[in-house]
C-alpha cells in the first residue's frame, strides 16, 4: 500500500468521527527540511498531522511506544526516532538521527512539551528544542492543535469521556504558522511556547 493511499484512508477514518479544520498548510515547504514543533493533547495528534499533510513526516517519539505491539512495528517501519528522557547518550543518538532526517530534506515533528498534556493545556516546552535547533539549524514551523483533548485518545479522565456524547462529531483544529528561520540564536523554549499558545487561540 502506497503512502498516498495510507494517508487517504487515515483522513477518511478521522473525518468519519471528527470535524477537522486545518489552516496554514501553505506555510509548509513543498520541498526541503523543517522542524515541526507541535503541542501534544492526545495520541491522535501525530496520526492526524501525518494524514492531513501531503509530505511524509518523521516523528520524534517516546521510546516506550516502540515496545507497544503493532504501534512499535509501525514506528520502526516508518523510521521514526525514539527518545528516552534522562539518558544523555540515548538523547545524543536521537538528536543525531534527527539531524540526519533533516539533512535529507525531510520534515521532522517533535513535541517540545516532552509528554502528553495531563489536562489539555499547553505545558512548559523543554530545552531539547533549543539544543536540537543549535545542532540542526533548519526552519522551525510552530503548530498548534486543539480539540484533541476531548477525544478518546487523550489522558482525559474516563468519567469525563463517558459523559461525552459519542455520536457528536467533535471539532479538531490544526493551525500551522509561518516558519522561523535560524538566525544564529537558540530557539528559546518559552518564546516558541508563546507562539504556539497564541496560535492555538487564533
N, C-alpha and C. Protein backbone atom coordinates (compact mmCIF):
# COMPACT_ATOMS: atom_id res chain seq x y z
N UNK A 1 0.85 -1.19 0.00
CA UNK A 1 0.00 0.00 0.00
C UNK A 1 0.89 1.25 0.00
N UNK A 2 0.59 2.18 -0.89
CA UNK A 2 1.41 3.38 -1.00
C UNK A 2 1.13 4.34 0.15
N UNK A 3 2.07 5.26 0.37
CA UNK A 3 1.89 6.26 1.43
C UNK A 3 0.67 7.14 1.14
N UNK A 4 0.47 7.46 -0.13
CA UNK A 4 -0.67 8.29 -0.52
C UNK A 4 -1.98 7.61 -0.14
N UNK A 5 -2.06 6.31 -0.37
CA UNK A 5 -3.26 5.56 -0.03
C UNK A 5 -3.46 5.48 1.49
N UNK A 6 -2.37 5.30 2.23
CA UNK A 6 -2.45 5.25 3.69
C UNK A 6 -2.99 6.56 4.23
N UNK A 7 -2.48 7.67 3.71
CA UNK A 7 -2.95 8.98 4.15
C UNK A 7 -4.43 9.17 3.82
N UNK A 8 -4.86 8.72 2.65
CA UNK A 8 -6.26 8.83 2.24
C UNK A 8 -7.17 8.07 3.20
N UNK A 9 -6.76 6.85 3.56
CA UNK A 9 -7.55 6.02 4.47
C UNK A 9 -7.61 6.65 5.86
N UNK A 10 -6.47 7.15 6.34
CA UNK A 10 -6.43 7.79 7.66
C UNK A 10 -7.31 9.03 7.70
N UNK A 11 -7.25 9.86 6.65
CA UNK A 11 -8.09 11.07 6.59
C UNK A 11 -9.57 10.70 6.62
N UNK A 12 -9.93 9.69 5.84
CA UNK A 12 -11.33 9.26 5.79
C UNK A 12 -11.80 8.75 7.14
N UNK A 13 -10.94 7.98 7.82
CA UNK A 13 -11.30 7.43 9.12
C UNK A 13 -11.47 8.53 10.16
N UNK A 14 -10.57 9.49 10.16
CA UNK A 14 -10.64 10.59 11.14
C UNK A 14 -11.87 11.46 10.87
N UNK A 15 -12.13 11.75 9.59
CA UNK A 15 -13.28 12.58 9.23
C UNK A 15 -14.61 11.91 9.54
N UNK A 16 -14.60 10.58 9.62
CA UNK A 16 -15.83 9.86 9.94
C UNK A 16 -16.28 10.14 11.37
N UNK A 17 -15.34 10.49 12.24
CA UNK A 17 -15.66 10.69 13.65
C UNK A 17 -15.49 12.14 14.12
N UNK A 18 -14.72 12.92 13.36
CA UNK A 18 -14.41 14.28 13.79
C UNK A 18 -14.52 15.27 12.64
N UNK A 19 -14.82 16.51 12.97
CA UNK A 19 -14.77 17.61 12.00
C UNK A 19 -13.38 18.23 12.11
N UNK A 20 -12.63 18.16 11.04
CA UNK A 20 -11.23 18.58 11.08
C UNK A 20 -11.04 19.88 10.31
N UNK A 21 -10.41 20.84 10.96
CA UNK A 21 -10.09 22.12 10.34
C UNK A 21 -8.57 22.31 10.35
N UNK A 22 -8.00 22.37 9.17
CA UNK A 22 -6.55 22.55 9.04
C UNK A 22 -6.29 23.89 8.36
N UNK A 23 -5.55 24.76 9.01
CA UNK A 23 -5.21 26.06 8.43
C UNK A 23 -3.69 26.22 8.36
N UNK A 24 -3.24 26.95 7.36
CA UNK A 24 -1.81 27.24 7.24
C UNK A 24 -1.00 26.19 6.51
N UNK A 25 -1.66 25.31 5.76
CA UNK A 25 -0.90 24.28 5.03
C UNK A 25 0.11 24.89 4.07
N UNK A 26 -0.21 26.09 3.56
CA UNK A 26 0.72 26.75 2.65
C UNK A 26 2.02 27.17 3.33
N UNK A 27 2.03 27.15 4.67
CA UNK A 27 3.25 27.50 5.40
C UNK A 27 4.26 26.36 5.44
N UNK A 28 3.83 25.18 5.05
CA UNK A 28 4.74 24.04 4.98
C UNK A 28 5.47 24.06 3.64
N UNK A 29 6.78 23.91 3.65
CA UNK A 29 7.51 23.90 2.38
C UNK A 29 7.17 22.66 1.55
N UNK A 30 7.07 22.84 0.25
CA UNK A 30 6.81 21.69 -0.63
C UNK A 30 8.03 20.80 -0.75
N UNK A 31 9.19 21.40 -0.52
CA UNK A 31 10.45 20.66 -0.57
C UNK A 31 11.36 21.19 0.54
N UNK A 32 12.33 20.38 0.92
CA UNK A 32 13.32 20.83 1.88
C UNK A 32 12.93 20.53 3.33
N UNK A 33 13.89 20.72 4.25
CA UNK A 33 13.71 20.31 5.64
C UNK A 33 12.99 21.36 6.48
N UNK A 34 12.37 20.90 7.54
CA UNK A 34 11.79 21.79 8.54
C UNK A 34 11.51 20.99 9.80
N UNK A 35 11.61 21.67 10.95
CA UNK A 35 11.25 21.08 12.24
C UNK A 35 9.84 21.54 12.58
N UNK A 36 8.92 20.61 12.72
CA UNK A 36 7.55 20.94 13.09
C UNK A 36 7.42 20.80 14.60
N UNK A 37 7.15 21.91 15.29
CA UNK A 37 7.07 21.91 16.76
C UNK A 37 5.61 22.07 17.17
N UNK A 38 5.03 21.03 17.74
CA UNK A 38 3.59 20.99 17.99
C UNK A 38 3.27 20.63 19.45
N UNK A 39 2.22 21.26 20.00
CA UNK A 39 1.76 20.86 21.33
C UNK A 39 1.13 19.47 21.25
N UNK A 40 0.89 18.86 22.41
CA UNK A 40 0.57 17.43 22.44
C UNK A 40 -0.61 17.15 23.36
N UNK A 41 -1.80 16.94 22.76
CA UNK A 41 -3.01 16.71 23.55
C UNK A 41 -3.45 15.25 23.59
N UNK A 42 -3.06 14.46 22.60
CA UNK A 42 -3.55 13.08 22.54
C UNK A 42 -2.66 12.23 21.65
N UNK A 43 -2.92 10.93 21.66
CA UNK A 43 -2.18 10.02 20.79
C UNK A 43 -2.61 10.17 19.34
N UNK A 44 -3.72 10.87 19.10
CA UNK A 44 -4.21 11.08 17.74
C UNK A 44 -3.49 12.22 17.03
N UNK A 45 -2.81 13.09 17.79
CA UNK A 45 -2.16 14.28 17.22
C UNK A 45 -1.27 13.94 16.04
N UNK A 46 -0.33 13.05 16.27
CA UNK A 46 0.66 12.72 15.24
C UNK A 46 0.00 12.06 14.03
N UNK A 47 -0.97 11.19 14.30
CA UNK A 47 -1.68 10.49 13.21
C UNK A 47 -2.41 11.50 12.32
N UNK A 48 -3.09 12.46 12.96
CA UNK A 48 -3.84 13.46 12.21
C UNK A 48 -2.91 14.36 11.40
N UNK A 49 -1.82 14.81 12.00
CA UNK A 49 -0.88 15.65 11.27
C UNK A 49 -0.32 14.91 10.07
N UNK A 50 0.08 13.67 10.27
CA UNK A 50 0.60 12.84 9.19
C UNK A 50 -0.43 12.68 8.08
N UNK A 51 -1.69 12.48 8.46
CA UNK A 51 -2.75 12.22 7.48
C UNK A 51 -3.09 13.43 6.63
N UNK A 52 -3.07 14.63 7.25
CA UNK A 52 -3.54 15.82 6.55
C UNK A 52 -2.44 16.65 5.90
N UNK A 53 -1.20 16.21 6.03
CA UNK A 53 -0.07 16.87 5.36
C UNK A 53 0.38 15.96 4.23
N UNK A 54 0.51 16.51 3.04
CA UNK A 54 0.84 15.70 1.87
C UNK A 54 2.23 15.07 1.95
N UNK A 55 3.18 15.80 2.51
CA UNK A 55 4.54 15.28 2.59
C UNK A 55 4.67 14.26 3.72
N UNK A 56 5.67 13.41 3.59
CA UNK A 56 5.96 12.46 4.66
C UNK A 56 6.55 13.23 5.85
N UNK A 57 6.30 12.72 7.05
CA UNK A 57 6.81 13.34 8.27
C UNK A 57 7.40 12.24 9.15
N UNK A 58 8.62 12.46 9.61
CA UNK A 58 9.19 11.58 10.64
C UNK A 58 8.92 12.20 12.00
N UNK A 59 8.73 11.35 13.01
CA UNK A 59 8.38 11.82 14.35
C UNK A 59 9.43 11.41 15.37
N UNK A 60 9.67 12.33 16.31
CA UNK A 60 10.48 12.01 17.49
C UNK A 60 9.50 11.56 18.57
N UNK A 61 9.57 10.29 18.96
CA UNK A 61 8.54 9.71 19.82
C UNK A 61 9.13 9.09 21.09
N UNK A 62 8.33 9.03 22.12
CA UNK A 62 8.73 8.45 23.40
C UNK A 62 9.11 6.98 23.20
N UNK A 63 10.26 6.60 23.73
CA UNK A 63 10.84 5.29 23.44
C UNK A 63 9.93 4.12 23.80
N UNK A 64 9.12 4.26 24.84
CA UNK A 64 8.26 3.14 25.25
C UNK A 64 7.19 2.81 24.22
N UNK A 65 6.85 3.76 23.36
CA UNK A 65 5.87 3.48 22.31
C UNK A 65 6.39 2.42 21.34
N UNK A 66 7.72 2.34 21.22
CA UNK A 66 8.31 1.37 20.30
C UNK A 66 8.18 -0.05 20.84
N UNK A 67 7.84 -0.19 22.11
CA UNK A 67 7.66 -1.52 22.71
C UNK A 67 6.20 -1.98 22.68
N UNK A 68 5.31 -1.07 22.25
CA UNK A 68 3.88 -1.43 22.18
C UNK A 68 3.63 -2.23 20.91
N UNK A 69 2.99 -3.38 21.08
CA UNK A 69 2.72 -4.25 19.94
C UNK A 69 1.94 -3.51 18.88
N UNK A 70 2.24 -3.71 17.64
CA UNK A 70 1.63 -3.10 16.46
C UNK A 70 2.09 -1.65 16.30
N UNK A 71 1.92 -0.83 17.35
CA UNK A 71 2.33 0.58 17.27
C UNK A 71 3.84 0.65 17.04
N UNK A 72 4.60 -0.11 17.83
CA UNK A 72 6.05 -0.11 17.69
C UNK A 72 6.51 -0.55 16.32
N UNK A 73 5.85 -1.55 15.75
CA UNK A 73 6.24 -2.04 14.43
C UNK A 73 6.01 -0.97 13.37
N UNK A 74 4.93 -0.20 13.52
CA UNK A 74 4.65 0.89 12.57
C UNK A 74 5.71 1.98 12.70
N UNK A 75 6.05 2.35 13.94
CA UNK A 75 7.05 3.39 14.16
C UNK A 75 8.41 2.99 13.59
N UNK A 76 8.78 1.74 13.81
CA UNK A 76 10.08 1.28 13.30
C UNK A 76 10.08 1.20 11.78
N UNK A 77 8.99 0.72 11.20
CA UNK A 77 8.90 0.62 9.74
C UNK A 77 8.94 2.00 9.11
N UNK A 78 8.33 2.97 9.77
CA UNK A 78 8.30 4.34 9.25
C UNK A 78 9.61 5.09 9.54
N UNK A 79 10.50 4.45 10.30
CA UNK A 79 11.80 5.01 10.66
C UNK A 79 11.66 6.27 11.53
N UNK A 80 10.69 6.23 12.44
CA UNK A 80 10.57 7.29 13.42
C UNK A 80 11.67 7.11 14.47
N UNK A 81 11.86 8.13 15.29
CA UNK A 81 13.03 8.18 16.17
C UNK A 81 12.60 8.10 17.63
N UNK A 82 13.19 7.19 18.37
CA UNK A 82 12.88 7.02 19.79
C UNK A 82 13.74 7.95 20.64
N UNK A 83 13.14 8.48 21.70
CA UNK A 83 13.91 9.31 22.63
C UNK A 83 13.56 8.91 24.06
N UNK A 84 14.59 8.83 24.89
CA UNK A 84 14.43 8.41 26.28
C UNK A 84 14.93 9.52 27.19
N UNK A 85 14.03 10.03 28.02
CA UNK A 85 14.40 11.14 28.89
C UNK A 85 15.44 10.71 29.93
N UNK A 86 16.28 11.65 30.34
CA UNK A 86 17.30 11.43 31.37
C UNK A 86 18.33 10.38 30.99
N UNK A 87 18.50 10.17 29.69
CA UNK A 87 19.53 9.25 29.20
C UNK A 87 20.36 10.03 28.18
N UNK A 88 21.43 10.64 28.65
CA UNK A 88 22.20 11.57 27.83
C UNK A 88 22.71 10.95 26.53
N UNK A 89 23.22 9.73 26.61
CA UNK A 89 23.76 9.08 25.42
C UNK A 89 22.66 8.77 24.40
N UNK A 90 21.51 8.31 24.91
CA UNK A 90 20.41 8.00 24.00
C UNK A 90 19.86 9.27 23.36
N UNK A 91 19.77 10.34 24.14
CA UNK A 91 19.28 11.62 23.61
C UNK A 91 20.24 12.14 22.54
N UNK A 92 21.53 12.02 22.79
CA UNK A 92 22.53 12.44 21.81
C UNK A 92 22.37 11.65 20.52
N UNK A 93 22.14 10.35 20.65
CA UNK A 93 21.95 9.49 19.47
C UNK A 93 20.67 9.87 18.74
N UNK A 94 19.61 10.15 19.49
CA UNK A 94 18.32 10.54 18.89
C UNK A 94 18.46 11.84 18.12
N UNK A 95 19.16 12.82 18.70
CA UNK A 95 19.35 14.10 18.02
C UNK A 95 20.18 13.93 16.75
N UNK A 96 21.15 13.01 16.78
CA UNK A 96 21.94 12.74 15.58
C UNK A 96 21.04 12.19 14.47
N UNK A 97 20.10 11.32 14.86
CA UNK A 97 19.14 10.79 13.90
C UNK A 97 18.23 11.89 13.36
N UNK A 98 17.84 12.80 14.24
CA UNK A 98 17.01 13.93 13.83
C UNK A 98 17.73 14.77 12.78
N UNK A 99 19.00 15.05 13.03
CA UNK A 99 19.79 15.84 12.09
C UNK A 99 19.93 15.12 10.75
N UNK A 100 20.05 13.81 10.81
CA UNK A 100 20.16 13.02 9.58
C UNK A 100 18.88 13.14 8.75
N UNK A 101 17.73 13.06 9.43
CA UNK A 101 16.44 13.23 8.75
C UNK A 101 16.38 14.60 8.07
N UNK A 102 16.75 15.63 8.81
CA UNK A 102 16.68 17.00 8.29
C UNK A 102 17.71 17.23 7.18
N UNK A 103 18.88 16.62 7.30
CA UNK A 103 19.90 16.76 6.28
C UNK A 103 19.50 16.09 4.97
N UNK A 104 18.51 15.20 5.04
CA UNK A 104 17.98 14.56 3.84
C UNK A 104 16.72 15.27 3.35
N UNK A 105 16.58 16.54 3.78
CA UNK A 105 15.49 17.42 3.30
C UNK A 105 14.09 16.91 3.64
N UNK A 106 13.97 16.29 4.83
CA UNK A 106 12.66 15.78 5.25
C UNK A 106 12.06 16.65 6.35
N UNK A 107 10.80 16.38 6.66
CA UNK A 107 10.12 17.05 7.76
C UNK A 107 10.25 16.21 9.02
N UNK A 108 10.54 16.86 10.13
CA UNK A 108 10.65 16.19 11.43
C UNK A 108 9.69 16.85 12.41
N UNK A 109 8.82 16.07 13.02
CA UNK A 109 7.88 16.62 14.02
C UNK A 109 8.34 16.24 15.42
N UNK A 110 8.37 17.24 16.29
CA UNK A 110 8.70 17.00 17.70
C UNK A 110 7.61 17.61 18.58
N UNK A 111 7.52 17.12 19.79
CA UNK A 111 6.56 17.63 20.77
C UNK A 111 7.38 18.25 21.91
N UNK A 112 7.62 19.56 21.88
CA UNK A 112 8.54 20.19 22.84
C UNK A 112 8.12 20.06 24.31
N UNK A 113 6.83 19.74 24.57
CA UNK A 113 6.41 19.52 25.96
C UNK A 113 7.03 18.24 26.53
N UNK A 114 7.38 17.33 25.64
CA UNK A 114 8.03 16.10 26.07
C UNK A 114 7.10 15.01 26.56
N UNK A 115 5.79 15.28 26.58
CA UNK A 115 4.83 14.29 27.06
C UNK A 115 3.42 14.75 26.68
N UNK A 116 2.49 13.82 26.77
CA UNK A 116 1.08 14.17 26.56
C UNK A 116 0.61 15.13 27.65
N UNK A 117 -0.20 16.10 27.27
CA UNK A 117 -0.77 17.02 28.26
C UNK A 117 -1.67 16.25 29.22
N UNK A 118 -1.53 16.49 30.53
CA UNK A 118 -2.38 15.80 31.51
C UNK A 118 -3.75 16.47 31.68
N UNK A 119 -3.91 17.66 31.09
CA UNK A 119 -5.17 18.40 31.31
C UNK A 119 -5.65 19.15 30.06
N UNK A 120 -5.01 18.94 28.95
CA UNK A 120 -5.41 19.60 27.72
C UNK A 120 -4.73 20.94 27.48
N UNK A 121 -4.08 21.48 28.51
CA UNK A 121 -3.39 22.76 28.39
C UNK A 121 -1.97 22.56 27.86
N UNK A 122 -1.40 23.64 27.35
CA UNK A 122 -0.01 23.59 26.89
C UNK A 122 0.92 23.77 28.08
N UNK A 123 1.83 22.84 28.27
CA UNK A 123 2.76 22.90 29.40
C UNK A 123 4.15 23.30 28.92
N UNK A 124 5.03 23.52 29.85
CA UNK A 124 6.36 24.09 29.56
C UNK A 124 7.10 23.29 28.48
N UNK A 125 7.59 24.03 27.48
CA UNK A 125 8.42 23.42 26.46
C UNK A 125 9.81 23.14 27.06
N UNK A 126 10.34 21.97 26.77
CA UNK A 126 11.64 21.57 27.31
C UNK A 126 12.79 22.17 26.49
N UNK A 127 13.97 22.10 27.08
CA UNK A 127 15.14 22.72 26.44
C UNK A 127 15.68 21.90 25.27
N UNK A 128 15.13 20.70 25.05
CA UNK A 128 15.59 19.89 23.94
C UNK A 128 15.46 20.59 22.60
N UNK A 129 14.39 21.39 22.44
CA UNK A 129 14.18 22.08 21.17
C UNK A 129 15.32 23.07 20.90
N UNK A 130 15.83 23.70 21.95
CA UNK A 130 16.94 24.65 21.79
C UNK A 130 18.20 23.93 21.33
N UNK A 131 18.50 22.79 21.98
CA UNK A 131 19.70 22.03 21.63
C UNK A 131 19.58 21.46 20.22
N UNK A 132 18.38 20.98 19.88
CA UNK A 132 18.18 20.41 18.54
C UNK A 132 18.40 21.48 17.48
N UNK A 133 17.86 22.68 17.70
CA UNK A 133 17.98 23.74 16.70
C UNK A 133 19.41 24.21 16.55
N UNK A 134 20.16 24.24 17.63
CA UNK A 134 21.56 24.66 17.52
C UNK A 134 22.38 23.62 16.77
N UNK A 135 22.02 22.34 16.92
CA UNK A 135 22.73 21.28 16.21
C UNK A 135 22.24 21.12 14.77
N UNK A 136 20.97 21.40 14.55
CA UNK A 136 20.36 21.25 13.22
C UNK A 136 19.63 22.55 12.89
N UNK A 137 20.34 23.57 12.42
CA UNK A 137 19.74 24.89 12.20
C UNK A 137 18.84 24.95 10.96
N UNK A 138 17.73 24.25 11.04
CA UNK A 138 16.74 24.25 9.96
C UNK A 138 15.53 25.08 10.40
N UNK A 139 14.68 25.51 9.45
CA UNK A 139 13.49 26.28 9.82
C UNK A 139 12.60 25.52 10.80
N UNK A 140 12.06 26.25 11.78
CA UNK A 140 11.09 25.69 12.71
C UNK A 140 9.71 26.20 12.33
N UNK A 141 8.75 25.30 12.27
CA UNK A 141 7.37 25.67 11.97
C UNK A 141 6.50 25.34 13.18
N UNK A 142 6.04 26.37 13.92
CA UNK A 142 5.16 26.12 15.07
C UNK A 142 3.78 25.62 14.60
N UNK A 143 3.26 24.64 15.32
CA UNK A 143 1.94 24.10 15.01
C UNK A 143 1.15 23.99 16.31
N UNK A 144 -0.08 24.49 16.28
CA UNK A 144 -0.97 24.39 17.45
C UNK A 144 -2.15 23.51 17.10
N UNK A 145 -2.42 22.55 17.96
CA UNK A 145 -3.61 21.70 17.78
C UNK A 145 -4.56 21.96 18.94
N UNK A 146 -5.84 21.77 18.67
CA UNK A 146 -6.85 21.96 19.71
C UNK A 146 -8.03 21.04 19.43
N UNK A 147 -8.72 20.66 20.50
CA UNK A 147 -9.86 19.76 20.38
C UNK A 147 -9.53 18.31 20.60
N UNK A 148 -8.25 17.97 20.46
CA UNK A 148 -7.83 16.57 20.60
C UNK A 148 -7.97 16.08 22.03
N UNK A 149 -7.94 17.00 22.99
CA UNK A 149 -8.10 16.64 24.39
C UNK A 149 -9.45 15.96 24.64
N UNK A 150 -10.44 16.29 23.83
CA UNK A 150 -11.79 15.76 24.01
C UNK A 150 -12.04 14.47 23.23
N UNK A 151 -10.98 13.89 22.67
CA UNK A 151 -11.11 12.60 22.01
C UNK A 151 -10.82 11.48 23.00
N UNK A 152 -11.11 10.27 22.60
CA UNK A 152 -10.86 9.11 23.48
C UNK A 152 -9.37 8.79 23.57
N UNK A 153 -8.55 9.47 22.76
CA UNK A 153 -7.12 9.16 22.70
C UNK A 153 -6.28 10.02 23.62
N UNK A 154 -6.92 10.87 24.43
CA UNK A 154 -6.18 11.75 25.35
C UNK A 154 -6.12 11.14 26.74
N UNK A 155 -5.51 11.89 27.66
CA UNK A 155 -5.45 11.46 29.06
C UNK A 155 -6.61 12.04 29.87
N UNK A 156 -7.62 12.49 29.19
CA UNK A 156 -8.81 12.99 29.87
C UNK A 156 -9.40 11.89 30.73
N UNK A 157 -9.86 12.20 31.97
CA UNK A 157 -10.40 11.17 32.86
C UNK A 157 -11.52 10.36 32.19
N UNK A 158 -11.55 9.08 32.50
CA UNK A 158 -12.51 8.17 31.88
C UNK A 158 -13.95 8.62 32.12
N UNK A 159 -14.24 9.11 33.33
CA UNK A 159 -15.61 9.55 33.65
C UNK A 159 -16.04 10.67 32.71
N UNK A 160 -15.11 11.59 32.43
CA UNK A 160 -15.42 12.71 31.53
C UNK A 160 -15.65 12.20 30.11
N UNK A 161 -14.87 11.21 29.70
CA UNK A 161 -15.05 10.64 28.37
C UNK A 161 -16.41 9.95 28.24
N UNK A 162 -16.80 9.26 29.30
CA UNK A 162 -18.08 8.53 29.26
C UNK A 162 -19.27 9.47 29.24
N UNK A 163 -19.08 10.69 29.78
CA UNK A 163 -20.18 11.66 29.78
C UNK A 163 -20.35 12.35 28.43
N UNK A 164 -19.38 12.17 27.55
CA UNK A 164 -19.42 12.83 26.25
C UNK A 164 -20.29 12.03 25.28
N UNK A 165 -21.11 12.73 24.52
CA UNK A 165 -21.95 12.08 23.51
C UNK A 165 -21.07 11.51 22.40
N UNK A 166 -21.01 10.18 22.26
CA UNK A 166 -20.12 9.57 21.27
C UNK A 166 -20.56 9.82 19.83
N UNK A 167 -21.81 10.25 19.63
CA UNK A 167 -22.33 10.46 18.28
C UNK A 167 -22.19 11.90 17.80
N UNK A 168 -21.69 12.75 18.68
CA UNK A 168 -21.47 14.16 18.31
C UNK A 168 -20.06 14.33 17.78
N UNK A 169 -19.96 14.73 16.52
CA UNK A 169 -18.64 14.87 15.89
C UNK A 169 -17.96 16.12 16.43
N UNK A 170 -16.87 15.89 17.14
CA UNK A 170 -16.13 17.00 17.74
C UNK A 170 -15.23 17.65 16.70
N UNK A 171 -14.89 18.93 16.94
CA UNK A 171 -14.04 19.68 16.03
C UNK A 171 -12.58 19.58 16.45
N UNK A 172 -11.75 19.23 15.52
CA UNK A 172 -10.30 19.18 15.74
C UNK A 172 -9.65 20.25 14.89
N UNK A 173 -8.74 21.00 15.49
CA UNK A 173 -8.07 22.09 14.77
C UNK A 173 -6.56 21.86 14.71
N UNK A 174 -6.01 22.09 13.53
CA UNK A 174 -4.57 22.06 13.33
C UNK A 174 -4.21 23.38 12.66
N UNK A 175 -3.45 24.22 13.36
CA UNK A 175 -3.10 25.54 12.86
C UNK A 175 -1.59 25.63 12.67
N UNK A 176 -1.16 25.86 11.44
CA UNK A 176 0.26 25.84 11.09
C UNK A 176 0.75 27.26 10.83
N UNK A 177 1.78 27.66 11.54
CA UNK A 177 2.30 29.03 11.43
C UNK A 177 3.42 29.12 10.39
N UNK A 178 3.76 30.34 9.97
CA UNK A 178 4.92 30.53 9.10
C UNK A 178 6.20 30.07 9.80
N UNK A 179 7.20 29.73 9.02
CA UNK A 179 8.44 29.19 9.59
C UNK A 179 9.26 30.27 10.26
N UNK A 180 10.06 29.83 11.21
CA UNK A 180 11.03 30.69 11.89
C UNK A 180 12.41 30.27 11.38
N UNK A 181 13.10 31.20 10.76
CA UNK A 181 14.41 30.89 10.18
C UNK A 181 15.51 31.00 11.24
N UNK A 182 16.51 30.17 11.12
CA UNK A 182 17.63 30.20 12.06
C UNK A 182 18.45 31.47 11.84
N UNK A 183 18.68 32.22 12.92
CA UNK A 183 19.44 33.47 12.83
C UNK A 183 20.69 33.45 13.71
N UNK A 184 21.10 32.24 14.10
CA UNK A 184 22.29 32.12 14.93
C UNK A 184 21.98 32.11 16.41
N UNK A 185 20.74 32.43 16.77
CA UNK A 185 20.34 32.45 18.17
C UNK A 185 19.57 31.16 18.50
N UNK A 186 19.65 30.68 19.74
CA UNK A 186 18.90 29.49 20.11
C UNK A 186 17.40 29.73 20.10
N UNK A 187 16.66 28.65 19.86
CA UNK A 187 15.20 28.74 19.91
C UNK A 187 14.77 28.57 21.36
N UNK A 188 14.61 29.68 22.05
CA UNK A 188 14.28 29.59 23.45
C UNK A 188 12.90 28.96 23.63
N UNK A 189 12.80 27.90 24.45
CA UNK A 189 11.54 27.18 24.59
C UNK A 189 10.35 28.06 24.96
N UNK A 190 10.57 29.01 25.88
CA UNK A 190 9.46 29.86 26.32
C UNK A 190 8.93 30.72 25.17
N UNK A 191 9.82 31.19 24.30
CA UNK A 191 9.40 32.00 23.16
C UNK A 191 8.58 31.17 22.18
N UNK A 192 9.06 29.97 21.91
CA UNK A 192 8.34 29.08 21.00
C UNK A 192 6.99 28.68 21.58
N UNK A 193 6.97 28.42 22.88
CA UNK A 193 5.72 28.07 23.55
C UNK A 193 4.70 29.20 23.43
N UNK A 194 5.17 30.43 23.59
CA UNK A 194 4.29 31.59 23.49
C UNK A 194 3.67 31.69 22.10
N UNK A 195 4.46 31.39 21.07
CA UNK A 195 3.96 31.42 19.69
C UNK A 195 2.86 30.38 19.50
N UNK A 196 3.10 29.17 20.02
CA UNK A 196 2.12 28.09 19.86
C UNK A 196 0.85 28.39 20.65
N UNK A 197 0.99 28.97 21.83
CA UNK A 197 -0.18 29.33 22.63
C UNK A 197 -1.05 30.37 21.91
N UNK A 198 -0.41 31.39 21.33
CA UNK A 198 -1.15 32.42 20.59
C UNK A 198 -1.78 31.83 19.34
N UNK A 199 -1.07 30.93 18.71
CA UNK A 199 -1.56 30.27 17.51
C UNK A 199 -2.81 29.44 17.81
N UNK A 200 -2.80 28.79 18.96
CA UNK A 200 -3.93 27.95 19.35
C UNK A 200 -5.20 28.80 19.56
N UNK A 201 -5.03 30.02 20.03
CA UNK A 201 -6.18 30.88 20.31
C UNK A 201 -6.64 31.68 19.10
N UNK A 202 -5.86 31.63 18.02
CA UNK A 202 -6.20 32.46 16.86
C UNK A 202 -7.29 31.82 16.00
